[in-house]
């Protein structure tokens, strides 16, 4: 069975992901973006299409934050969702306290 890290490395090898050092400011900004959008997505005063867009954008921000935390980036929005199984499976040497640890 392929490990989550091997999956990410393999996707980088075939050009679906780009290896890029994690950036704490970008990570924090993605989390902030999701936190700002989620309350608005629950606002019943907005039309359903707007609420959906806000919820989708929040989910994408969180999925991209997970990918960036592992040191990768993708040009395709759908890939960040497809690889959530690899990006949310955290190695034991990382803590989920919202801080990027150097490798």
Protein backbone atom coordinates (compact mmCIF):
# COMPACT_ATOMS: atom_id res chain seq x y z
CA UNK A 1 0.00 0.00 0.00
CA UNK A 2 1.26 3.46 -0.89
CA UNK A 3 1.74 5.90 2.00
CA UNK A 4 0.15 9.35 1.88
CA UNK A 5 3.58 10.94 1.39
CA UNK A 6 4.40 8.54 -1.46
CA UNK A 7 1.08 9.40 -3.11
CA UNK A 8 1.95 13.10 -3.02
CA UNK A 9 5.46 12.43 -4.32
CA UNK A 10 4.10 10.27 -7.16
CA UNK A 11 1.64 12.99 -8.17
CA UNK A 12 4.51 15.49 -8.22
CA UNK A 13 6.54 13.14 -10.44
CA UNK A 14 3.78 13.04 -13.05
CA UNK A 15 3.20 16.80 -12.90
CA UNK A 16 -0.14 16.86 -11.07
CA UNK A 17 1.44 18.54 -8.05
CA UNK A 18 4.33 20.94 -7.68
CA UNK A 19 6.65 20.65 -4.69
CA UNK A 20 6.90 24.02 -2.97
CA UNK A 21 8.06 24.77 0.57
CA UNK A 22 5.19 25.34 3.02
CA UNK A 23 4.51 28.96 3.89
CA UNK A 24 3.01 29.73 7.30
CA UNK A 25 1.51 33.04 6.17
CA UNK A 26 -0.22 31.40 3.20
CA UNK A 27 -1.45 28.54 5.40
CA UNK A 28 -2.84 31.01 7.95
CA UNK A 29 -4.49 33.03 5.18
CA UNK A 30 -6.21 29.95 3.78
CA UNK A 31 -7.56 29.05 7.22
CA UNK A 32 -8.70 32.64 7.76
CA UNK A 33 -10.44 32.64 4.37
CA UNK A 34 -12.38 29.49 5.26
CA UNK A 35 -13.32 30.82 8.69
CA UNK A 36 -14.63 34.04 7.11
CA UNK A 37 -16.70 32.27 4.46
CA UNK A 38 -18.32 29.54 6.54
CA UNK A 39 -20.56 31.80 8.65
CA UNK A 40 -21.80 33.57 5.51
CA UNK A 41 -22.49 30.19 3.88
CA UNK A 42 -24.92 29.50 6.73
CA UNK A 43 -26.75 32.80 6.30
CA UNK A 44 -30.34 31.99 5.25
CA UNK A 45 -30.72 35.56 3.97
CA UNK A 46 -28.41 34.82 1.05
CA UNK A 47 -29.59 33.02 -2.05
CA UNK A 48 -28.72 29.31 -2.25
CA UNK A 49 -26.22 29.77 -5.09
CA UNK A 50 -24.24 32.31 -3.07
CA UNK A 51 -24.30 30.09 -0.01
CA UNK A 52 -23.07 27.14 -2.04
CA UNK A 53 -20.24 29.20 -3.54
CA UNK A 54 -19.17 30.39 -0.11
CA UNK A 55 -19.23 26.85 1.31
CA UNK A 56 -17.35 25.45 -1.70
CA UNK A 57 -14.69 28.17 -1.50
CA UNK A 58 -14.27 27.53 2.25
CA UNK A 59 -13.87 23.80 1.63
CA UNK A 60 -11.34 24.46 -1.12
CA UNK A 61 -9.36 26.80 1.14
CA UNK A 62 -9.16 24.11 3.82
CA UNK A 63 -8.21 21.39 1.34
CA UNK A 64 -5.55 23.64 -0.21
CA UNK A 65 -4.22 24.51 3.25
CA UNK A 66 -3.76 20.80 3.93
CA UNK A 67 -1.91 20.35 0.64
CA UNK A 68 0.29 23.41 1.20
CA UNK A 69 1.06 22.21 4.73
CA UNK A 70 2.62 19.11 3.14
CA UNK A 71 4.71 21.26 0.80
CA UNK A 72 2.82 20.89 -2.47
CA UNK A 73 0.63 22.99 -4.74
CA UNK A 74 -1.74 22.15 -7.59
CA UNK A 75 -2.99 24.23 -10.48
CA UNK A 76 -6.19 22.17 -10.58
CA UNK A 77 -8.85 22.82 -7.94
CA UNK A 78 -10.29 19.33 -8.14
CA UNK A 79 -7.01 17.64 -7.22
CA UNK A 80 -6.88 19.26 -3.77
CA UNK A 81 -10.20 17.54 -3.04
CA UNK A 82 -9.21 14.21 -4.59
CA UNK A 83 -6.10 13.86 -2.45
CA UNK A 84 -7.63 14.78 0.90
CA UNK A 85 -7.07 11.18 2.02
CA UNK A 86 -3.35 11.81 1.67
CA UNK A 87 -3.21 15.35 2.99
CA UNK A 88 -5.26 14.87 6.14
CA UNK A 89 -3.39 11.72 7.17
CA UNK A 90 -0.75 13.40 9.28
CA UNK A 91 2.62 11.82 10.02
CA UNK A 92 3.32 11.24 13.69
CA UNK A 93 6.06 13.91 13.75
CA UNK A 94 3.58 16.69 12.95
CA UNK A 95 1.06 18.15 15.33
CA UNK A 96 -2.25 19.53 14.17
CA UNK A 97 -1.89 22.79 16.09
CA UNK A 98 -1.94 24.93 12.94
CA UNK A 99 1.81 25.48 12.82
CA UNK A 100 3.94 24.29 9.94
CA UNK A 101 6.98 22.44 11.22
CA UNK A 102 10.18 22.62 9.22
CA UNK A 103 11.38 19.38 7.71
